[in-house]
């Protein structure tokens, strides 16, 4: 069946339109309902949530997984029931999280950190949250071994020879993580870094919330 035959309403064939979605490229959609087709010629089926941007933000999608609760008429995200961020702020993902375990700080896709379980058993192989990693909202960077320091210092550039690159010793330094989720937005704003498009729909989440006063201990 061709793309032009994907969408039908009241027996009339509707000519689909196309939109470029982050991470997956162009997908066809019904211009009347905004329902997006999950069909891609010659490519694997889409199983991970797709970020909804522009006019698609917050829409129900029966065919395509999105950052939302699965239900009638909405495919949603298979990890939604184990995802605290998705439950609090729908449609903000998918995105990256910064996590820490035993002094190791790294990042991961939210769908690889959060996990829904069935009788205590994970439903996939990727579940950093069940493996002891904790979210670290105090930083927007991870420590990596590389030569970024030499590029910032002007020692290396696109025209540097392989010999010069290899002669420049790598160092451990911070690297900014892009596409972070709401718990990191206040820190991104304070550092003057760009916010994800989803922040336009939840501007209050980019503001630092005042700390609640601690209750005095008795006795």
C-alpha atoms as a PDB file:
ATOM      1  CA  UNK A   1       0.000   0.000   0.000  1.00  0.00           C
ATOM      2  CA  UNK A   2       1.451   3.381  -0.955  1.00  0.00           C
ATOM      3  CA  UNK A   3       1.702   6.405   1.340  1.00  0.00           C
ATOM      4  CA  UNK A   4      -1.148   8.068  -0.555  1.00  0.00           C
ATOM      5  CA  UNK A   5      -3.379   5.169   0.479  1.00  0.00           C
ATOM      6  CA  UNK A   6      -2.381   5.172   4.156  1.00  0.00           C
ATOM      7  CA  UNK A   7      -5.084   7.493   5.356  1.00  0.00           C
ATOM      8  CA  UNK A   8      -8.792   7.165   4.633  1.00  0.00           C
ATOM      9  CA  UNK A   9     -11.797   9.054   6.021  1.00  0.00           C
ATOM     10  CA  UNK A  10     -15.446   8.489   5.051  1.00  0.00           C
ATOM     11  CA  UNK A  11     -14.216   6.425   2.108  1.00  0.00           C
ATOM     12  CA  UNK A  12     -12.117   9.278   0.712  1.00  0.00           C
ATOM     13  CA  UNK A  13      -8.384   8.833   0.297  1.00  0.00           C
ATOM     14  CA  UNK A  14      -6.449  11.607   2.051  1.00  0.00           C
ATOM     15  CA  UNK A  15      -3.091  12.614   0.632  1.00  0.00           C
ATOM     16  CA  UNK A  16      -0.583  12.507   3.527  1.00  0.00           C
ATOM     17  CA  UNK A  17       1.881  15.224   4.402  1.00  0.00           C
ATOM     18  CA  UNK A  18       5.364  14.733   5.848  1.00  0.00           C
ATOM     19  CA  UNK A  19       7.283  16.124   8.810  1.00  0.00           C
ATOM     20  CA  UNK A  20      10.920  15.721   9.896  1.00  0.00           C
ATOM     21  CA  UNK A  21      10.941  14.202  13.395  1.00  0.00           C
ATOM     22  CA  UNK A  22      14.085  14.257  15.587  1.00  0.00           C
ATOM     23  CA  UNK A  23      16.007  11.016  15.471  1.00  0.00           C
ATOM     24  CA  UNK A  24      13.857   9.249  12.853  1.00  0.00           C
ATOM     25  CA  UNK A  25      13.555  11.617   9.899  1.00  0.00           C
ATOM     26  CA  UNK A  26      10.507  12.220   7.740  1.00  0.00           C
ATOM     27  CA  UNK A  27       7.251  10.449   8.599  1.00  0.00           C
ATOM     28  CA  UNK A  28       3.876  10.801   6.912  1.00  0.00           C
ATOM     29  CA  UNK A  29       0.813  12.031   8.786  1.00  0.00           C
ATOM     30  CA  UNK A  30      -2.871  12.696   8.215  1.00  0.00           C
ATOM     31  CA  UNK A  31      -3.233  16.488   7.896  1.00  0.00           C
ATOM     32  CA  UNK A  32      -6.774  16.346   9.323  1.00  0.00           C
ATOM     33  CA  UNK A  33      -6.145  14.291  12.470  1.00  0.00           C
ATOM     34  CA  UNK A  34      -2.344  14.752  12.779  1.00  0.00           C
ATOM     35  CA  UNK A  35      -2.084  10.976  13.235  1.00  0.00           C
ATOM     36  CA  UNK A  36       1.453   9.923  12.297  1.00  0.00           C
ATOM     37  CA  UNK A  37       2.145   6.712  10.383  1.00  0.00           C
ATOM     38  CA  UNK A  38       4.822   4.407  11.787  1.00  0.00           C
ATOM     39  CA  UNK A  39       5.587   3.014   8.326  1.00  0.00           C
ATOM     40  CA  UNK A  40       9.035   3.588   6.864  1.00  0.00           C
ATOM     41  CA  UNK A  41       9.897   1.892   3.589  1.00  0.00           C
ATOM     42  CA  UNK A  42      12.673  -0.641   4.018  1.00  0.00           C
ATOM     43  CA  UNK A  43      13.440   0.301   7.647  1.00  0.00           C
ATOM     44  CA  UNK A  44      12.833  -1.372  10.966  1.00  0.00           C
ATOM     45  CA  UNK A  45       9.615  -0.644  12.857  1.00  0.00           C
ATOM     46  CA  UNK A  46       9.784   2.240  15.332  1.00  0.00           C
ATOM     47  CA  UNK A  47       9.737   0.835  18.876  1.00  0.00           C
ATOM     48  CA  UNK A  48      11.200   3.727  20.901  1.00  0.00           C
ATOM     49  CA  UNK A  49       9.202   6.905  21.663  1.00  0.00           C
ATOM     50  CA  UNK A  50       9.550   9.671  19.076  1.00  0.00           C
ATOM     51  CA  UNK A  51       9.877  13.278  20.261  1.00  0.00           C
ATOM     52  CA  UNK A  52       6.835  15.330  19.314  1.00  0.00           C
ATOM     53  CA  UNK A  53       7.707  18.843  18.147  1.00  0.00           C
ATOM     54  CA  UNK A  54       5.774  21.830  16.814  1.00  0.00           C
ATOM     55  CA  UNK A  55       2.071  21.253  16.211  1.00  0.00           C
ATOM     56  CA  UNK A  56       2.422  17.573  17.189  1.00  0.00           C
ATOM     57  CA  UNK A  57       3.347  18.305  20.819  1.00  0.00           C
ATOM     58  CA  UNK A  58       0.739  16.819  23.147  1.00  0.00           C
ATOM     59  CA  UNK A  59      -1.230  15.021  20.436  1.00  0.00           C
ATOM     60  CA  UNK A  60      -2.580  11.498  20.831  1.00  0.00           C
ATOM     61  CA  UNK A  61      -0.895   9.082  18.453  1.00  0.00           C
ATOM     62  CA  UNK A  62      -2.478   5.652  17.875  1.00  0.00           C
ATOM     63  CA  UNK A  63       0.309   4.277  15.646  1.00  0.00           C
ATOM     64  CA  UNK A  64       3.539   5.863  16.907  1.00  0.00           C
ATOM     65  CA  UNK A  65       5.091   5.560  20.399  1.00  0.00           C
ATOM     66  CA  UNK A  66       5.430   8.922  22.175  1.00  0.00           C
ATOM     67  CA  UNK A  67       6.250  10.216  25.660  1.00  0.00           C
ATOM     68  CA  UNK A  68       2.795   9.677  27.121  1.00  0.00           C
ATOM     69  CA  UNK A  69       0.600   7.139  28.892  1.00  0.00           C
ATOM     70  CA  UNK A  70      -0.432   4.147  26.783  1.00  0.00           C
ATOM     71  CA  UNK A  71      -4.169   3.752  26.396  1.00  0.00           C
ATOM     72  CA  UNK A  72      -7.108   3.609  24.018  1.00  0.00           C
ATOM     73  CA  UNK A  73      -6.187   5.534  20.878  1.00  0.00           C
ATOM     74  CA  UNK A  74      -2.686   6.360  22.123  1.00  0.00           C
ATOM     75  CA  UNK A  75       0.314   4.042  21.773  1.00  0.00           C
ATOM     76  CA  UNK A  76       2.351   5.949  24.376  1.00  0.00           C
ATOM     77  CA  UNK A  77       5.623   4.733  25.879  1.00  0.00           C
ATOM     78  CA  UNK A  78       6.230   1.177  27.056  1.00  0.00           C
ATOM     79  CA  UNK A  79       8.354   2.537  29.945  1.00  0.00           C
ATOM     80  CA  UNK A  80       5.755   5.064  31.100  1.00  0.00           C
ATOM     81  CA  UNK A  81       4.651   3.165  34.211  1.00  0.00           C
ATOM     82  CA  UNK A  82       8.204   3.171  35.543  1.00  0.00           C
ATOM     83  CA  UNK A  83       9.069   6.733  34.484  1.00  0.00           C
ATOM     84  CA  UNK A  84       8.558   9.402  37.156  1.00  0.00           C
ATOM     85  CA  UNK A  85       9.448  12.223  34.771  1.00  0.00           C
ATOM     86  CA  UNK A  86       6.956  11.163  32.110  1.00  0.00           C
ATOM     87  CA  UNK A  87       4.204  10.770  34.673  1.00  0.00           C
ATOM     88  CA  UNK A  88       4.775  14.287  36.007  1.00  0.00           C
ATOM     89  CA  UNK A  89       5.209  16.085  32.662  1.00  0.00           C
ATOM     90  CA  UNK A  90       3.770  14.333  29.628  1.00  0.00           C
ATOM     91  CA  UNK A  91       5.343  14.675  26.196  1.00  0.00           C
ATOM     92  CA  UNK A  92       8.638  16.195  27.449  1.00  0.00           C
ATOM     93  CA  UNK A  93      10.661  13.223  26.225  1.00  0.00           C
ATOM     94  CA  UNK A  94      12.314  11.190  25.126  1.00  0.00           C
ATOM     95  CA  UNK A  95      15.510  12.797  26.323  1.00  0.00           C
ATOM     96  CA  UNK A  96      18.755  12.344  28.214  1.00  0.00           C
ATOM     97  CA  UNK A  97      19.416  11.995  31.945  1.00  0.00           C
ATOM     98  CA  UNK A  98      22.646  12.381  33.911  1.00  0.00           C
ATOM     99  CA  UNK A  99      23.205   9.535  36.342  1.00  0.00           C
ATOM    100  CA  UNK A 100      25.775   8.496  38.918  1.00  0.00           C
ATOM    101  CA  UNK A 101      26.927   5.228  40.479  1.00  0.00           C
ATOM    102  CA  UNK A 102      29.947   4.682  42.737  1.00  0.00           C
ATOM    103  CA  UNK A 103      31.615   7.884  41.555  1.00  0.00           C
ATOM    104  CA  UNK A 104      30.963   7.178  37.879  1.00  0.00           C
ATOM    105  CA  UNK A 105      28.949   9.905  36.155  1.00  0.00           C
ATOM    106  CA  UNK A 106      27.481   9.203  32.747  1.00  0.00           C
ATOM    107  CA  UNK A 107      24.350   9.837  30.716  1.00  0.00           C
ATOM    108  CA  UNK A 108      21.652   7.683  29.159  1.00  0.00           C
ATOM    109  CA  UNK A 109      18.426   7.898  27.205  1.00  0.00           C
ATOM    110  CA  UNK A 110      15.460   8.075  29.565  1.00  0.00           C
ATOM    111  CA  UNK A 111      14.071   4.828  28.135  1.00  0.00           C
ATOM    112  CA  UNK A 112      17.318   3.108  29.147  1.00  0.00           C
ATOM    113  CA  UNK A 113      17.143   4.440  32.718  1.00  0.00           C
ATOM    114  CA  UNK A 114      13.485   4.047  33.654  1.00  0.00           C
ATOM    115  CA  UNK A 115      11.905   0.618  33.521  1.00  0.00           C
ATOM    116  CA  UNK A 116       8.443  -0.782  33.952  1.00  0.00           C
ATOM    117  CA  UNK A 117       8.369  -4.160  35.633  1.00  0.00           C
ATOM    118  CA  UNK A 118       6.069  -7.152  35.659  1.00  0.00           C
ATOM    119  CA  UNK A 119       6.131  -8.947  39.006  1.00  0.00           C
ATOM    120  CA  UNK A 120       9.517  -7.382  39.759  1.00  0.00           C
ATOM    121  CA  UNK A 121      11.151  -8.470  36.528  1.00  0.00           C
ATOM    122  CA  UNK A 122      12.552  -5.968  33.990  1.00  0.00           C
ATOM    123  CA  UNK A 123      10.927  -5.911  30.574  1.00  0.00           C
ATOM    124  CA  UNK A 124      14.119  -5.074  28.662  1.00  0.00           C
ATOM    125  CA  UNK A 125      17.913  -5.334  28.942  1.00  0.00           C
ATOM    126  CA  UNK A 126      18.423  -1.613  29.492  1.00  0.00           C
ATOM    127  CA  UNK A 127      17.422  -0.478  32.983  1.00  0.00           C
ATOM    128  CA  UNK A 128      20.144   1.608  34.640  1.00  0.00           C
ATOM    129  CA  UNK A 129      17.725   2.726  37.331  1.00  0.00           C
ATOM    130  CA  UNK A 130      17.317  -0.889  38.453  1.00  0.00           C
ATOM    131  CA  UNK A 131      21.086  -1.421  38.300  1.00  0.00           C
ATOM    132  CA  UNK A 132      21.816   1.076  41.057  1.00  0.00           C
ATOM    133  CA  UNK A 133      22.364   4.283  39.073  1.00  0.00           C
ATOM    134  CA  UNK A 134      20.836   7.424  40.612  1.00  0.00           C
ATOM    135  CA  UNK A 135      19.790  10.583  38.781  1.00  0.00           C
ATOM    136  CA  UNK A 136      22.219  13.469  39.324  1.00  0.00           C
ATOM    137  CA  UNK A 137      20.463  16.817  38.812  1.00  0.00           C
ATOM    138  CA  UNK A 138      23.406  18.840  40.180  1.00  0.00           C
ATOM    139  CA  UNK A 139      25.247  18.886  36.849  1.00  0.00           C
ATOM    140  CA  UNK A 140      24.606  19.000  33.117  1.00  0.00           C
ATOM    141  CA  UNK A 141      27.989  17.518  32.192  1.00  0.00           C
ATOM    142  CA  UNK A 142      29.724  14.171  32.271  1.00  0.00           C
ATOM    143  CA  UNK A 143      33.456  13.575  32.607  1.00  0.00           C
ATOM    144  CA  UNK A 144      35.050  12.187  29.469  1.00  0.00           C
ATOM    145  CA  UNK A 145      38.591  11.425  28.387  1.00  0.00           C
ATOM    146  CA  UNK A 146      39.354  13.341  25.236  1.00  0.00           C
ATOM    147  CA  UNK A 147      41.099  16.227  23.532  1.00  0.00           C
ATOM    148  CA  UNK A 148      38.338  18.800  23.913  1.00  0.00           C
ATOM    149  CA  UNK A 149      40.654  20.841  26.129  1.00  0.00           C
ATOM    150  CA  UNK A 150      43.159  21.141  23.253  1.00  0.00           C
ATOM    151  CA  UNK A 151      40.440  22.292  20.834  1.00  0.00           C
ATOM    152  CA  UNK A 152      39.241  24.958  23.285  1.00  0.00           C
ATOM    153  CA  UNK A 153      42.849  26.072  23.825  1.00  0.00           C
ATOM    154  CA  UNK A 154      43.392  26.416  20.076  1.00  0.00           C
ATOM    155  CA  UNK A 155      46.037  23.709  19.992  1.00  0.00           C
ATOM    156  CA  UNK A 156      43.967  21.461  17.706  1.00  0.00           C
ATOM    157  CA  UNK A 157      41.525  22.262  14.913  1.00  0.00           C
ATOM    158  CA  UNK A 158      40.012  20.667  11.805  1.00  0.00           C
ATOM    159  CA  UNK A 159      43.292  21.076   9.938  1.00  0.00           C
ATOM    160  CA  UNK A 160      45.498  19.420  12.569  1.00  0.00           C
ATOM    161  CA  UNK A 161      47.518  16.479  11.302  1.00  0.00           C
ATOM    162  CA  UNK A 162      47.041  12.996  12.681  1.00  0.00           C
ATOM    163  CA  UNK A 163      50.553  13.162  14.103  1.00  0.00           C
ATOM    164  CA  UNK A 164      49.757  16.338  16.032  1.00  0.00           C
ATOM    165  CA  UNK A 165      46.475  14.899  17.302  1.00  0.00           C
ATOM    166  CA  UNK A 166      48.151  11.714  18.516  1.00  0.00           C
ATOM    167  CA  UNK A 167      50.943  13.717  20.136  1.00  0.00           C
ATOM    168  CA  UNK A 168      48.401  15.702  22.154  1.00  0.00           C
ATOM    169  CA  UNK A 169      47.655  13.806  25.347  1.00  0.00           C
ATOM    170  CA  UNK A 170      43.928  13.404  26.163  1.00  0.00           C
ATOM    171  CA  UNK A 171      42.655  14.680  29.479  1.00  0.00           C
ATOM    172  CA  UNK A 172      39.551  14.082  31.553  1.00  0.00           C
ATOM    173  CA  UNK A 173      37.209  17.036  31.248  1.00  0.00           C
ATOM    174  CA  UNK A 174      33.527  17.996  31.347  1.00  0.00           C
ATOM    175  CA  UNK A 175      31.273  17.594  28.323  1.00  0.00           C
ATOM    176  CA  UNK A 176      27.787  19.069  28.161  1.00  0.00           C
ATOM    177  CA  UNK A 177      24.920  16.622  27.694  1.00  0.00           C
ATOM    178  CA  UNK A 178      22.273  17.755  25.236  1.00  0.00           C
ATOM    179  CA  UNK A 179      18.516  17.164  25.200  1.00  0.00           C
ATOM    180  CA  UNK A 180      18.157  16.918  28.980  1.00  0.00           C
ATOM    181  CA  UNK A 181      14.773  16.478  30.679  1.00  0.00           C
ATOM    182  CA  UNK A 182      12.960  18.955  33.027  1.00  0.00           C
ATOM    183  CA  UNK A 183      14.893  18.282  36.281  1.00  0.00           C
ATOM    184  CA  UNK A 184      17.981  19.751  34.562  1.00  0.00           C
ATOM    185  CA  UNK A 185      16.307  22.771  32.915  1.00  0.00           C
ATOM    186  CA  UNK A 186      16.892  25.274  35.779  1.00  0.00           C
ATOM    187  CA  UNK A 187      20.608  24.505  35.698  1.00  0.00           C
ATOM    188  CA  UNK A 188      20.691  24.791  31.903  1.00  0.00           C
ATOM    189  CA  UNK A 189      19.032  28.216  32.151  1.00  0.00           C
ATOM    190  CA  UNK A 190      21.437  29.391  34.855  1.00  0.00           C
ATOM    191  CA  UNK A 191      24.388  28.367  32.688  1.00  0.00           C
ATOM    192  CA  UNK A 192      22.951  30.194  29.675  1.00  0.00           C
ATOM    193  CA  UNK A 193      22.607  26.994  27.661  1.00  0.00           C
ATOM    194  CA  UNK A 194      19.754  26.422  25.178  1.00  0.00           C
ATOM    195  CA  UNK A 195      16.629  24.736  26.507  1.00  0.00           C
ATOM    196  CA  UNK A 196      14.791  21.926  24.674  1.00  0.00           C
ATOM    197  CA  UNK A 197      11.722  22.841  22.651  1.00  0.00           C
ATOM    198  CA  UNK A 198       9.484  21.182  25.248  1.00  0.00           C
ATOM    199  CA  UNK A 199      10.447  23.962  27.704  1.00  0.00           C
ATOM    200  CA  UNK A 200       8.274  26.335  25.656  1.00  0.00           C
ATOM    201  CA  UNK A 201       5.252  24.335  26.835  1.00  0.00           C
ATOM    202  CA  UNK A 202       6.418  24.133  30.479  1.00  0.00           C
ATOM    203  CA  UNK A 203       8.250  27.448  31.099  1.00  0.00           C
ATOM    204  CA  UNK A 204       7.798  27.186  34.861  1.00  0.00           C
ATOM    205  CA  UNK A 205       9.983  24.074  34.938  1.00  0.00           C
ATOM    206  CA  UNK A 206      13.014  26.111  33.887  1.00  0.00           C
ATOM    207  CA  UNK A 207      12.776  28.240  37.046  1.00  0.00           C
ATOM    208  CA  UNK A 208      14.641  27.254  40.187  1.00  0.00           C
ATOM    209  CA  UNK A 209      12.125  26.286  42.861  1.00  0.00           C
ATOM    210  CA  UNK A 210      12.776  27.582  46.397  1.00  0.00           C
ATOM    211  CA  UNK A 211      13.904  24.919  48.823  1.00  0.00           C
ATOM    212  CA  UNK A 212      11.334  23.835  51.367  1.00  0.00           C
ATOM    213  CA  UNK A 213      12.304  24.680  54.964  1.00  0.00           C
ATOM    214  CA  UNK A 214      13.511  21.680  56.870  1.00  0.00           C
ATOM    215  CA  UNK A 215      11.432  20.612  59.837  1.00  0.00           C
ATOM    216  CA  UNK A 216      13.165  21.029  63.183  1.00  0.00           C
ATOM    217  CA  UNK A 217      14.049  17.750  64.884  1.00  0.00           C
ATOM    218  CA  UNK A 218      12.315  17.049  68.138  1.00  0.00           C
ATOM    219  CA  UNK A 219      14.163  16.495  71.341  1.00  0.00           C
END
